[in-house]
């Protein structure tokens, strides 16, 4: 069983999930299932996201303008089988 953090906004769903990337486990930043970047820790992933240091979603959404929660404790933690 694994888990991930999510934040559902009016503009779409953001997730930070632990996934295998280049033969290593990394925390992947996703917007509507589109990968935007990866980091070694979920906190680092969130920091990159809120500072606008990820790839821009293909829809052109400016993430820096969104009022995303700045701490993981303010995101929803969900588990998946």
PDB file of N, CA and C in Angstrom:
ATOM      1  N   UNK A   1       0.845  -1.172   0.000  1.00  0.00           N
ATOM      2  CA  UNK A   1       0.000   0.000   0.000  1.00  0.00           C
ATOM      3  C   UNK A   1       0.894   1.241   0.000  1.00  0.00           C
ATOM      4  N   UNK A   2       0.502   2.261  -0.753  1.00  0.00           N
ATOM      5  CA  UNK A   2       1.268   3.499  -0.808  1.00  0.00           C
ATOM      6  C   UNK A   2       0.316   4.675  -0.649  1.00  0.00           C
ATOM      7  N   UNK A   3       0.898   5.838  -0.427  1.00  0.00           N
ATOM      8  CA  UNK A   3       0.070   7.021  -0.235  1.00  0.00           C
ATOM      9  C   UNK A   3       0.583   8.196  -1.030  1.00  0.00           C
ATOM     10  N   UNK A   4      -0.220   9.244  -1.039  1.00  0.00           N
ATOM     11  CA  UNK A   4       0.134  10.461  -1.750  1.00  0.00           C
ATOM     12  C   UNK A   4      -0.613  11.625  -1.119  1.00  0.00           C
ATOM     13  N   UNK A   5      -0.108  12.827  -1.360  1.00  0.00           N
ATOM     14  CA  UNK A   5      -0.750  14.046  -0.893  1.00  0.00           C
ATOM     15  C   UNK A   5      -1.510  14.645  -2.066  1.00  0.00           C
ATOM     16  N   UNK A   6      -2.682  15.201  -1.797  1.00  0.00           N
ATOM     17  CA  UNK A   6      -3.432  15.822  -2.879  1.00  0.00           C
ATOM     18  C   UNK A   6      -4.062  17.131  -2.433  1.00  0.00           C
ATOM     19  N   UNK A   7      -4.249  17.997  -3.428  1.00  0.00           N
ATOM     20  CA  UNK A   7      -4.887  19.290  -3.238  1.00  0.00           C
ATOM     21  C   UNK A   7      -5.801  19.512  -4.436  1.00  0.00           C
ATOM     22  N   UNK A   8      -7.095  19.512  -4.174  1.00  0.00           N
ATOM     23  CA  UNK A   8      -8.084  19.693  -5.234  1.00  0.00           C
ATOM     24  C   UNK A   8      -8.466  21.164  -5.281  1.00  0.00           C
ATOM     25  N   UNK A   9      -8.148  21.821  -6.390  1.00  0.00           N
ATOM     26  CA  UNK A   9      -8.451  23.243  -6.558  1.00  0.00           C
ATOM     27  C   UNK A   9      -9.529  23.399  -7.623  1.00  0.00           C
ATOM     28  N   UNK A  10     -10.051  24.596  -7.758  1.00  0.00           N
ATOM     29  CA  UNK A  10     -11.023  24.857  -8.814  1.00  0.00           C
ATOM     30  C   UNK A  10     -10.397  24.729 -10.199  1.00  0.00           C
ATOM     31  N   UNK A  11      -9.076  24.828 -10.275  1.00  0.00           N
ATOM     32  CA  UNK A  11      -8.384  24.717 -11.545  1.00  0.00           C
ATOM     33  C   UNK A  11      -7.923  23.297 -11.846  1.00  0.00           C
ATOM     34  N   UNK A  12      -8.033  22.393 -10.884  1.00  0.00           N
ATOM     35  CA  UNK A  12      -7.621  21.011 -11.110  1.00  0.00           C
ATOM     36  C   UNK A  12      -6.975  20.391  -9.887  1.00  0.00           C
ATOM     37  N   UNK A  13      -6.626  19.129 -10.028  1.00  0.00           N
ATOM     38  CA  UNK A  13      -6.093  18.326  -8.924  1.00  0.00           C
ATOM     39  C   UNK A  13      -4.575  18.249  -8.990  1.00  0.00           C
ATOM     40  N   UNK A  14      -3.927  18.567  -7.871  1.00  0.00           N
ATOM     41  CA  UNK A  14      -2.484  18.426  -7.719  1.00  0.00           C
ATOM     42  C   UNK A  14      -2.221  17.244  -6.802  1.00  0.00           C
ATOM     43  N   UNK A  15      -1.166  16.477  -7.102  1.00  0.00           N
ATOM     44  CA  UNK A  15      -0.756  15.370  -6.252  1.00  0.00           C
ATOM     45  C   UNK A  15       0.757  15.361  -6.124  1.00  0.00           C
ATOM     46  N   UNK A  16       1.216  14.877  -4.997  1.00  0.00           N
ATOM     47  CA  UNK A  16       2.628  14.587  -4.778  1.00  0.00           C
ATOM     48  C   UNK A  16       2.666  13.121  -4.379  1.00  0.00           C
ATOM     49  N   UNK A  17       3.249  12.294  -5.236  1.00  0.00           N
ATOM     50  CA  UNK A  17       3.199  10.847  -5.037  1.00  0.00           C
ATOM     51  C   UNK A  17       4.575  10.224  -5.191  1.00  0.00           C
ATOM     52  N   UNK A  18       4.858   9.217  -4.383  1.00  0.00           N
ATOM     53  CA  UNK A  18       6.103   8.465  -4.477  1.00  0.00           C
ATOM     54  C   UNK A  18       5.977   7.471  -5.628  1.00  0.00           C
ATOM     55  N   UNK A  19       6.890   7.594  -6.598  1.00  0.00           N
ATOM     56  CA  UNK A  19       6.869   6.725  -7.773  1.00  0.00           C
ATOM     57  C   UNK A  19       8.291   6.355  -8.161  1.00  0.00           C
ATOM     58  N   UNK A  20       8.400   5.287  -8.912  1.00  0.00           N
ATOM     59  CA  UNK A  20       9.697   4.891  -9.450  1.00  0.00           C
ATOM     60  C   UNK A  20       9.994   5.762 -10.663  1.00  0.00           C
ATOM     61  N   UNK A  21      11.171   6.384 -10.660  1.00  0.00           N
ATOM     62  CA  UNK A  21      11.592   7.275 -11.740  1.00  0.00           C
ATOM     63  C   UNK A  21      13.076   7.057 -11.964  1.00  0.00           C
ATOM     64  N   UNK A  22      13.457   6.628 -13.152  1.00  0.00           N
ATOM     65  CA  UNK A  22      14.865   6.393 -13.483  1.00  0.00           C
ATOM     66  C   UNK A  22      15.517   5.451 -12.472  1.00  0.00           C
ATOM     67  N   UNK A  23      14.849   4.340 -12.218  1.00  0.00           N
ATOM     68  CA  UNK A  23      15.339   3.285 -11.316  1.00  0.00           C
ATOM     69  C   UNK A  23      15.536   3.735  -9.872  1.00  0.00           C
ATOM     70  N   UNK A  24      14.835   4.767  -9.469  1.00  0.00           N
ATOM     71  CA  UNK A  24      14.903   5.218  -8.077  1.00  0.00           C
ATOM     72  C   UNK A  24      13.533   5.726  -7.650  1.00  0.00           C
ATOM     73  N   UNK A  25      13.264   5.687  -6.375  1.00  0.00           N
ATOM     74  CA  UNK A  25      12.005   6.205  -5.848  1.00  0.00           C
ATOM     75  C   UNK A  25      12.122   7.726  -5.696  1.00  0.00           C
ATOM     76  N   UNK A  26      11.179   8.452  -6.269  1.00  0.00           N
ATOM     77  CA  UNK A  26      11.158   9.910  -6.200  1.00  0.00           C
ATOM     78  C   UNK A  26       9.738  10.377  -5.946  1.00  0.00           C
ATOM     79  N   UNK A  27       9.594  11.558  -5.385  1.00  0.00           N
ATOM     80  CA  UNK A  27       8.280  12.167  -5.206  1.00  0.00           C
ATOM     81  C   UNK A  27       7.976  12.994  -6.448  1.00  0.00           C
ATOM     82  N   UNK A  28       6.949  12.578  -7.167  1.00  0.00           N
ATOM     83  CA  UNK A  28       6.574  13.202  -8.427  1.00  0.00           C
ATOM     84  C   UNK A  28       5.453  14.208  -8.170  1.00  0.00           C
ATOM     85  N   UNK A  29       5.590  15.388  -8.745  1.00  0.00           N
ATOM     86  CA  UNK A  29       4.564  16.434  -8.665  1.00  0.00           C
ATOM     87  C   UNK A  29       3.678  16.274  -9.893  1.00  0.00           C
ATOM     88  N   UNK A  30       2.378  16.120  -9.668  1.00  0.00           N
ATOM     89  CA  UNK A  30       1.447  15.900 -10.774  1.00  0.00           C
ATOM     90  C   UNK A  30       0.336  16.933 -10.745  1.00  0.00           C
ATOM     91  N   UNK A  31      -0.055  17.358 -11.928  1.00  0.00           N
ATOM     92  CA  UNK A  31      -1.254  18.183 -12.094  1.00  0.00           C
ATOM     93  C   UNK A  31      -2.152  17.433 -13.065  1.00  0.00           C
ATOM     94  N   UNK A  32      -3.330  17.023 -12.593  1.00  0.00           N
ATOM     95  CA  UNK A  32      -4.255  16.260 -13.438  1.00  0.00           C
ATOM     96  C   UNK A  32      -3.526  15.106 -14.143  1.00  0.00           C
ATOM     97  N   UNK A  33      -2.718  14.366 -13.404  1.00  0.00           N
ATOM     98  CA  UNK A  33      -1.948  13.211 -13.895  1.00  0.00           C
ATOM     99  C   UNK A  33      -0.819  13.572 -14.858  1.00  0.00           C
ATOM    100  N   UNK A  34      -0.525  14.849 -15.029  1.00  0.00           N
ATOM    101  CA  UNK A  34       0.602  15.287 -15.864  1.00  0.00           C
ATOM    102  C   UNK A  34       1.794  15.559 -14.948  1.00  0.00           C
ATOM    103  N   UNK A  35       2.912  14.847 -15.114  1.00  0.00           N
ATOM    104  CA  UNK A  35       4.080  15.091 -14.255  1.00  0.00           C
ATOM    105  C   UNK A  35       4.698  16.457 -14.535  1.00  0.00           C
ATOM    106  N   UNK A  36       4.997  17.165 -13.439  1.00  0.00           N
ATOM    107  CA  UNK A  36       5.583  18.503 -13.551  1.00  0.00           C
ATOM    108  C   UNK A  36       7.012  18.561 -13.041  1.00  0.00           C
ATOM    109  N   UNK A  37       7.439  17.537 -12.302  1.00  0.00           N
ATOM    110  CA  UNK A  37       8.777  17.516 -11.743  1.00  0.00           C
ATOM    111  C   UNK A  37       8.877  16.453 -10.672  1.00  0.00           C
ATOM    112  N   UNK A  38      10.088  16.280 -10.138  1.00  0.00           N
ATOM    113  CA  UNK A  38      10.273  15.298  -9.075  1.00  0.00           C
ATOM    114  C   UNK A  38      11.338  15.776  -8.096  1.00  0.00           C
ATOM    115  N   UNK A  39      11.272  15.224  -6.884  1.00  0.00           N
ATOM    116  CA  UNK A  39      12.199  15.584  -5.813  1.00  0.00           C
ATOM    117  C   UNK A  39      12.455  14.366  -4.927  1.00  0.00           C
ATOM    118  N   UNK A  40      13.431  14.495  -4.048  1.00  0.00           N
ATOM    119  CA  UNK A  40      13.767  13.396  -3.153  1.00  0.00           C
ATOM    120  C   UNK A  40      12.838  13.310  -1.949  1.00  0.00           C
ATOM    121  N   UNK A  41      12.183  14.419  -1.582  1.00  0.00           N
ATOM    122  CA  UNK A  41      11.271  14.416  -0.434  1.00  0.00           C
ATOM    123  C   UNK A  41       9.957  15.082  -0.833  1.00  0.00           C
ATOM    124  N   UNK A  42       8.872  14.742  -0.141  1.00  0.00           N
ATOM    125  CA  UNK A  42       7.606  15.411  -0.464  1.00  0.00           C
ATOM    126  C   UNK A  42       7.639  16.898  -0.129  1.00  0.00           C
ATOM    127  N   UNK A  43       8.363  17.270   0.915  1.00  0.00           N
ATOM    128  CA  UNK A  43       8.473  18.687   1.288  1.00  0.00           C
ATOM    129  C   UNK A  43       9.189  19.487   0.202  1.00  0.00           C
ATOM    130  N   UNK A  44      10.254  18.911  -0.346  1.00  0.00           N
ATOM    131  CA  UNK A  44      10.976  19.587  -1.429  1.00  0.00           C
ATOM    132  C   UNK A  44      10.088  19.721  -2.664  1.00  0.00           C
ATOM    133  N   UNK A  45       9.290  18.704  -2.937  1.00  0.00           N
ATOM    134  CA  UNK A  45       8.371  18.761  -4.077  1.00  0.00           C
ATOM    135  C   UNK A  45       7.359  19.882  -3.892  1.00  0.00           C
ATOM    136  N   UNK A  46       6.793  19.983  -2.704  1.00  0.00           N
ATOM    137  CA  UNK A  46       5.826  21.047  -2.429  1.00  0.00           C
ATOM    138  C   UNK A  46       6.481  22.413  -2.554  1.00  0.00           C
ATOM    139  N   UNK A  47       7.675  22.569  -2.022  1.00  0.00           N
ATOM    140  CA  UNK A  47       8.376  23.851  -2.117  1.00  0.00           C
ATOM    141  C   UNK A  47       8.622  24.250  -3.566  1.00  0.00           C
ATOM    142  N   UNK A  48       9.044  23.296  -4.392  1.00  0.00           N
ATOM    143  CA  UNK A  48       9.242  23.596  -5.821  1.00  0.00           C
ATOM    144  C   UNK A  48       7.938  24.018  -6.468  1.00  0.00           C
ATOM    145  N   UNK A  49       6.862  23.331  -6.114  1.00  0.00           N
ATOM    146  CA  UNK A  49       5.561  23.629  -6.706  1.00  0.00           C
ATOM    147  C   UNK A  49       5.091  25.032  -6.358  1.00  0.00           C
ATOM    148  N   UNK A  50       5.123  25.391  -5.076  1.00  0.00           N
ATOM    149  CA  UNK A  50       4.590  26.694  -4.678  1.00  0.00           C
ATOM    150  C   UNK A  50       5.496  27.854  -5.096  1.00  0.00           C
ATOM    151  N   UNK A  51       6.776  27.575  -5.354  1.00  0.00           N
ATOM    152  CA  UNK A  51       7.682  28.624  -5.845  1.00  0.00           C
ATOM    153  C   UNK A  51       7.646  28.737  -7.367  1.00  0.00           C
ATOM    154  N   UNK A  52       6.887  27.860  -8.022  1.00  0.00           N
ATOM    155  CA  UNK A  52       6.809  27.907  -9.477  1.00  0.00           C
ATOM    156  C   UNK A  52       8.038  27.362 -10.158  1.00  0.00           C
ATOM    157  N   UNK A  53       8.739  26.434  -9.502  1.00  0.00           N
ATOM    158  CA  UNK A  53       9.979  25.876 -10.048  1.00  0.00           C
ATOM    159  C   UNK A  53       9.760  24.513 -10.698  1.00  0.00           C
ATOM    160  N   UNK A  54       8.547  24.259 -11.162  1.00  0.00           N
ATOM    161  CA  UNK A  54       8.239  23.021 -11.870  1.00  0.00           C
ATOM    162  C   UNK A  54       7.954  23.353 -13.335  1.00  0.00           C
ATOM    163  N   UNK A  55       7.773  22.327 -14.114  1.00  0.00           N
ATOM    164  CA  UNK A  55       7.318  22.558 -15.491  1.00  0.00           C
ATOM    165  C   UNK A  55       5.911  23.125 -15.438  1.00  0.00           C
ATOM    166  N   UNK A  56       5.568  23.913 -16.424  1.00  0.00           N
ATOM    167  CA  UNK A  56       4.217  24.460 -16.508  1.00  0.00           C
ATOM    168  C   UNK A  56       3.302  23.399 -17.119  1.00  0.00           C
ATOM    169  N   UNK A  57       2.086  23.242 -16.578  1.00  0.00           N
ATOM    170  CA  UNK A  57       1.155  22.291 -17.181  1.00  0.00           C
ATOM    171  C   UNK A  57       0.893  22.634 -18.644  1.00  0.00           C
ATOM    172  N   UNK A  58       0.607  21.620 -19.446  1.00  0.00           N
ATOM    173  CA  UNK A  58       0.398  21.830 -20.882  1.00  0.00           C
ATOM    174  C   UNK A  58      -0.797  22.737 -21.175  1.00  0.00           C
ATOM    175  N   UNK A  59      -1.708  22.877 -20.200  1.00  0.00           N
ATOM    176  CA  UNK A  59      -2.864  23.760 -20.402  1.00  0.00           C
ATOM    177  C   UNK A  59      -2.498  25.236 -20.234  1.00  0.00           C
ATOM    178  N   UNK A  60      -1.265  25.511 -19.762  1.00  0.00           N
ATOM    179  CA  UNK A  60      -0.818  26.888 -19.601  1.00  0.00           C
ATOM    180  C   UNK A  60      -1.121  27.504 -18.245  1.00  0.00           C
ATOM    181  N   UNK A  61      -1.663  26.739 -17.316  1.00  0.00           N
ATOM    182  CA  UNK A  61      -2.002  27.244 -15.985  1.00  0.00           C
ATOM    183  C   UNK A  61      -0.776  27.825 -15.296  1.00  0.00           C
ATOM    184  N   UNK A  62      -0.910  29.031 -14.737  1.00  0.00           N
ATOM    185  CA  UNK A  62       0.170  29.663 -13.975  1.00  0.00           C
ATOM    186  C   UNK A  62       0.018  29.253 -12.516  1.00  0.00           C
ATOM    187  N   UNK A  63       0.779  28.263 -12.119  1.00  0.00           N
ATOM    188  CA  UNK A  63       0.673  27.696 -10.771  1.00  0.00           C
ATOM    189  C   UNK A  63       0.995  28.737  -9.702  1.00  0.00           C
ATOM    190  N   UNK A  64       1.899  29.641  -9.983  1.00  0.00           N
ATOM    191  CA  UNK A  64       2.297  30.649  -8.982  1.00  0.00           C
ATOM    192  C   UNK A  64       1.139  31.532  -8.543  1.00  0.00           C
ATOM    193  N   UNK A  65       0.084  31.602  -9.337  1.00  0.00           N
ATOM    194  CA  UNK A  65      -1.064  32.455  -9.004  1.00  0.00           C
ATOM    195  C   UNK A  65      -2.105  31.733  -8.154  1.00  0.00           C
ATOM    196  N   UNK A  66      -1.903  30.435  -7.922  1.00  0.00           N
ATOM    197  CA  UNK A  66      -2.880  29.661  -7.154  1.00  0.00           C
ATOM    198  C   UNK A  66      -2.581  29.747  -5.656  1.00  0.00           C
ATOM    199  N   UNK A  67      -3.619  29.785  -4.843  1.00  0.00           N
ATOM    200  CA  UNK A  67      -3.417  29.808  -3.391  1.00  0.00           C
ATOM    201  C   UNK A  67      -3.258  28.382  -2.836  1.00  0.00           C
ATOM    202  N   UNK A  68      -2.197  27.701  -3.263  1.00  0.00           N
ATOM    203  CA  UNK A  68      -1.957  26.335  -2.794  1.00  0.00           C
ATOM    204  C   UNK A  68      -1.487  26.345  -1.343  1.00  0.00           C
ATOM    205  N   UNK A  69      -1.924  25.367  -0.536  1.00  0.00           N
ATOM    206  CA  UNK A  69      -1.422  25.260   0.836  1.00  0.00           C
ATOM    207  C   UNK A  69       0.099  25.084   0.816  1.00  0.00           C
ATOM    208  N   UNK A  70       0.782  25.741   1.735  1.00  0.00           N
ATOM    209  CA  UNK A  70       2.241  25.748   1.724  1.00  0.00           C
ATOM    210  C   UNK A  70       2.873  24.705   2.624  1.00  0.00           C
ATOM    211  N   UNK A  71       2.059  23.939   3.356  1.00  0.00           N
ATOM    212  CA  UNK A  71       2.584  22.848   4.172  1.00  0.00           C
ATOM    213  C   UNK A  71       1.823  21.573   3.838  1.00  0.00           C
ATOM    214  N   UNK A  72       2.522  20.440   3.870  1.00  0.00           N
ATOM    215  CA  UNK A  72       1.879  19.168   3.551  1.00  0.00           C
ATOM    216  C   UNK A  72       0.751  18.820   4.517  1.00  0.00           C
ATOM    217  N   UNK A  73       0.832  19.311   5.739  1.00  0.00           N
ATOM    218  CA  UNK A  73      -0.238  19.016   6.702  1.00  0.00           C
ATOM    219  C   UNK A  73      -1.566  19.651   6.289  1.00  0.00           C
ATOM    220  N   UNK A  74      -1.520  20.626   5.382  1.00  0.00           N
ATOM    221  CA  UNK A  74      -2.741  21.244   4.879  1.00  0.00           C
ATOM    222  C   UNK A  74      -3.251  20.577   3.599  1.00  0.00           C
ATOM    223  N   UNK A  75      -2.537  19.593   3.100  1.00  0.00           N
ATOM    224  CA  UNK A  75      -2.965  18.800   1.962  1.00  0.00           C
ATOM    225  C   UNK A  75      -3.649  17.550   2.508  1.00  0.00           C
ATOM    226  N   UNK A  76      -4.430  16.884   1.691  1.00  0.00           N
ATOM    227  CA  UNK A  76      -5.084  15.635   2.088  1.00  0.00           C
ATOM    228  C   UNK A  76      -4.123  14.493   1.797  1.00  0.00           C
ATOM    229  N   UNK A  77      -3.912  13.623   2.785  1.00  0.00           N
ATOM    230  CA  UNK A  77      -3.093  12.436   2.566  1.00  0.00           C
ATOM    231  C   UNK A  77      -4.024  11.267   2.298  1.00  0.00           C
ATOM    232  N   UNK A  78      -3.834  10.606   1.184  1.00  0.00           N
ATOM    233  CA  UNK A  78      -4.686   9.486   0.796  1.00  0.00           C
ATOM    234  C   UNK A  78      -3.820   8.249   0.582  1.00  0.00           C
ATOM    235  N   UNK A  79      -4.401   7.091   0.777  1.00  0.00           N
ATOM    236  CA  UNK A  79      -3.684   5.846   0.534  1.00  0.00           C
ATOM    237  C   UNK A  79      -4.328   5.111  -0.622  1.00  0.00           C
ATOM    238  N   UNK A  80      -3.524   4.366  -1.313  1.00  0.00           N
ATOM    239  CA  UNK A  80      -4.021   3.541  -2.420  1.00  0.00           C
ATOM    240  C   UNK A  80      -3.462   2.147  -2.261  1.00  0.00           C
ATOM    241  N   UNK A  81      -4.204   1.193  -2.728  1.00  0.00           N
ATOM    242  CA  UNK A  81      -3.788  -0.209  -2.603  1.00  0.00           C
ATOM    243  C   UNK A  81      -2.733  -0.552  -3.619  1.00  0.00           C
TER     244      UNK A  81
END
